Amino acid sequence: MFAEPNPVPAGNPDQPFATTQITWSTEDATTGDLYVKIDRADEVFITRAPSGSVKIDWIQFDSRYEFRLYAKKHSRLLAKLEVTRDD
């Protein structure tokens, strides 16, 4: 699993949101569930597929984003990735 770009460039400080692309693969036919945990909030489901890519256009300053890929139904953590935004 990877994010492009990561870290996300700061860009214009007046623009509160920036974009990255998350790409993943379970490496087999296993269905993967992609979640994100932002700071100390609960995980939030994003999408489900064995592999794919999703545009994330809500990356903010001063937040920590941990994307987590699980085997279907949260049974096993396959990968995790931290995404940050430059100051």
C-alpha atoms as a PDB file:
ATOM      1  CA  MET A   1       0.000   0.000   0.000  1.00  0.00           C
ATOM      2  CA  PHE A   2       1.285   3.461  -0.800  1.00  0.00           C
ATOM      3  CA  ALA A   3       0.172   7.090  -1.080  1.00  0.00           C
ATOM      4  CA  GLU A   4       1.197   9.502  -3.812  1.00  0.00           C
ATOM      5  CA  PRO A   5       2.192  12.091  -2.769  1.00  0.00           C
ATOM      6  CA  ASN A   6       3.234  11.413   0.801  1.00  0.00           C
ATOM      7  CA  PRO A   7       3.854  13.636   2.552  1.00  0.00           C
ATOM      8  CA  VAL A   8       1.212  15.762   0.867  1.00  0.00           C
ATOM      9  CA  PRO A   9       2.722  19.157  -0.068  1.00  0.00           C
ATOM     10  CA  ALA A  10       1.609  22.077   2.076  1.00  0.00           C
ATOM     11  CA  GLY A  11       0.498  24.124  -0.918  1.00  0.00           C
ATOM     12  CA  ASN A  12      -1.487  27.274  -0.225  1.00  0.00           C
ATOM     13  CA  PRO A  13      -2.056  27.740   3.524  1.00  0.00           C
ATOM     14  CA  ASP A  14      -5.448  29.288   2.696  1.00  0.00           C
ATOM     15  CA  GLN A  15      -6.552  25.960   1.162  1.00  0.00           C
ATOM     16  CA  PRO A  16      -7.585  23.760   4.103  1.00  0.00           C
ATOM     17  CA  PHE A  17      -7.699  20.517   2.061  1.00  0.00           C
ATOM     18  CA  ALA A  18      -5.129  18.721  -0.094  1.00  0.00           C
ATOM     19  CA  THR A  19      -5.188  15.504  -2.130  1.00  0.00           C
ATOM     20  CA  THR A  20      -3.357  12.195  -2.203  1.00  0.00           C
ATOM     21  CA  GLN A  21      -4.004   8.897  -3.977  1.00  0.00           C
ATOM     22  CA  ILE A  22      -4.039   5.681  -1.921  1.00  0.00           C
ATOM     23  CA  THR A  23      -3.217   2.496  -3.850  1.00  0.00           C
ATOM     24  CA  TRP A  24      -3.430  -1.005  -2.369  1.00  0.00           C
ATOM     25  CA  SER A  25      -3.461  -4.690  -3.182  1.00  0.00           C
ATOM     26  CA  THR A  26      -4.119  -7.735  -1.020  1.00  0.00           C
ATOM     27  CA  GLU A  27      -1.696  -9.641  -3.331  1.00  0.00           C
ATOM     28  CA  ASP A  28      -4.330 -12.330  -3.997  1.00  0.00           C
ATOM     29  CA  ALA A  29      -8.087 -12.578  -4.536  1.00  0.00           C
ATOM     30  CA  THR A  30      -8.815 -11.774  -0.891  1.00  0.00           C
ATOM     31  CA  THR A  31     -11.200  -8.863  -0.530  1.00  0.00           C
ATOM     32  CA  GLY A  32      -9.597  -5.987   1.330  1.00  0.00           C
ATOM     33  CA  ASP A  33     -11.359  -3.370   3.441  1.00  0.00           C
ATOM     34  CA  LEU A  34      -9.694   0.038   3.474  1.00  0.00           C
ATOM     35  CA  TYR A  35     -10.206   2.167   6.583  1.00  0.00           C
ATOM     36  CA  VAL A  36      -8.734   5.430   7.844  1.00  0.00           C
ATOM     37  CA  LYS A  37      -8.074   6.512  11.408  1.00  0.00           C
ATOM     38  CA  ILE A  38      -7.713  10.272  11.775  1.00  0.00           C
ATOM     39  CA  ASP A  39      -5.935  11.410  14.917  1.00  0.00           C
ATOM     40  CA  ARG A  40      -7.736   9.772  17.856  1.00  0.00           C
ATOM     41  CA  ALA A  41     -11.089   9.237  16.160  1.00  0.00           C
ATOM     42  CA  ASP A  42     -12.513   5.790  15.439  1.00  0.00           C
ATOM     43  CA  GLU A  43     -11.657   4.091  12.158  1.00  0.00           C
ATOM     44  CA  VAL A  44     -13.872   4.971   9.199  1.00  0.00           C
ATOM     45  CA  PHE A  45     -14.560   2.572   6.321  1.00  0.00           C
ATOM     46  CA  ILE A  46     -13.553   3.900   2.879  1.00  0.00           C
ATOM     47  CA  THR A  47     -13.935   1.098   0.340  1.00  0.00           C
ATOM     48  CA  ARG A  48     -13.735  -2.653  -0.297  1.00  0.00           C
ATOM     49  CA  ALA A  49     -11.794  -4.412  -3.092  1.00  0.00           C
ATOM     50  CA  PRO A  50      -8.884  -6.844  -3.551  1.00  0.00           C
ATOM     51  CA  SER A  51      -6.887  -3.961  -5.070  1.00  0.00           C
ATOM     52  CA  GLY A  52      -7.460  -0.467  -6.266  1.00  0.00           C
ATOM     53  CA  SER A  53      -6.779   3.199  -5.936  1.00  0.00           C
ATOM     54  CA  VAL A  54      -8.822   5.935  -4.330  1.00  0.00           C
ATOM     55  CA  LYS A  55      -8.452   9.711  -4.391  1.00  0.00           C
ATOM     56  CA  ILE A  56      -8.462  11.260  -0.918  1.00  0.00           C
ATOM     57  CA  ASP A  57      -9.111  14.994  -1.183  1.00  0.00           C
ATOM     58  CA  TRP A  58      -9.587  15.898   2.472  1.00  0.00           C
ATOM     59  CA  ILE A  59      -6.042  15.871   3.908  1.00  0.00           C
ATOM     60  CA  GLN A  60      -5.680  18.750   6.374  1.00  0.00           C
ATOM     61  CA  PHE A  61      -2.799  20.387   8.215  1.00  0.00           C
ATOM     62  CA  ASP A  62      -2.006  19.156  11.729  1.00  0.00           C
ATOM     63  CA  SER A  63      -3.799  15.817  11.423  1.00  0.00           C
ATOM     64  CA  ARG A  64      -2.426  12.292  11.335  1.00  0.00           C
ATOM     65  CA  TYR A  65      -4.024   9.862   8.896  1.00  0.00           C
ATOM     66  CA  GLU A  66      -3.412   6.155   9.252  1.00  0.00           C
ATOM     67  CA  PHE A  67      -4.837   4.114   6.393  1.00  0.00           C
ATOM     68  CA  ARG A  68      -5.384   0.453   7.276  1.00  0.00           C
ATOM     69  CA  LEU A  69      -6.043  -2.447   4.926  1.00  0.00           C
ATOM     70  CA  TYR A  70      -7.798  -5.438   6.474  1.00  0.00           C
ATOM     71  CA  ALA A  71      -8.766  -8.816   5.134  1.00  0.00           C
ATOM     72  CA  LYS A  72     -12.532  -8.770   4.628  1.00  0.00           C
ATOM     73  CA  LYS A  73     -14.648  -8.044   7.685  1.00  0.00           C
ATOM     74  CA  HIS A  74     -11.774  -6.706   9.772  1.00  0.00           C
ATOM     75  CA  SER A  75     -10.423 -10.205  10.372  1.00  0.00           C
ATOM     76  CA  ARG A  76      -6.705  -9.466   9.824  1.00  0.00           C
ATOM     77  CA  LEU A  77      -4.597  -6.319   9.354  1.00  0.00           C
ATOM     78  CA  LEU A  78      -2.741  -6.634   6.049  1.00  0.00           C
ATOM     79  CA  ALA A  79      -1.028  -3.233   5.856  1.00  0.00           C
ATOM     80  CA  LYS A  80      -1.045   0.248   7.320  1.00  0.00           C
ATOM     81  CA  LEU A  81       0.265   3.553   6.060  1.00  0.00           C
ATOM     82  CA  GLU A  82       0.617   6.958   7.678  1.00  0.00           C
ATOM     83  CA  VAL A  83      -0.068  10.027   5.541  1.00  0.00           C
ATOM     84  CA  THR A  84       0.940  13.510   6.616  1.00  0.00           C
ATOM     85  CA  ARG A  85       0.827  16.999   5.152  1.00  0.00           C
ATOM     86  CA  ASP A  86       3.832  19.298   5.113  1.00  0.00           C
ATOM     87  CA  ASP A  87       3.567  22.459   7.185  1.00  0.00           C
END
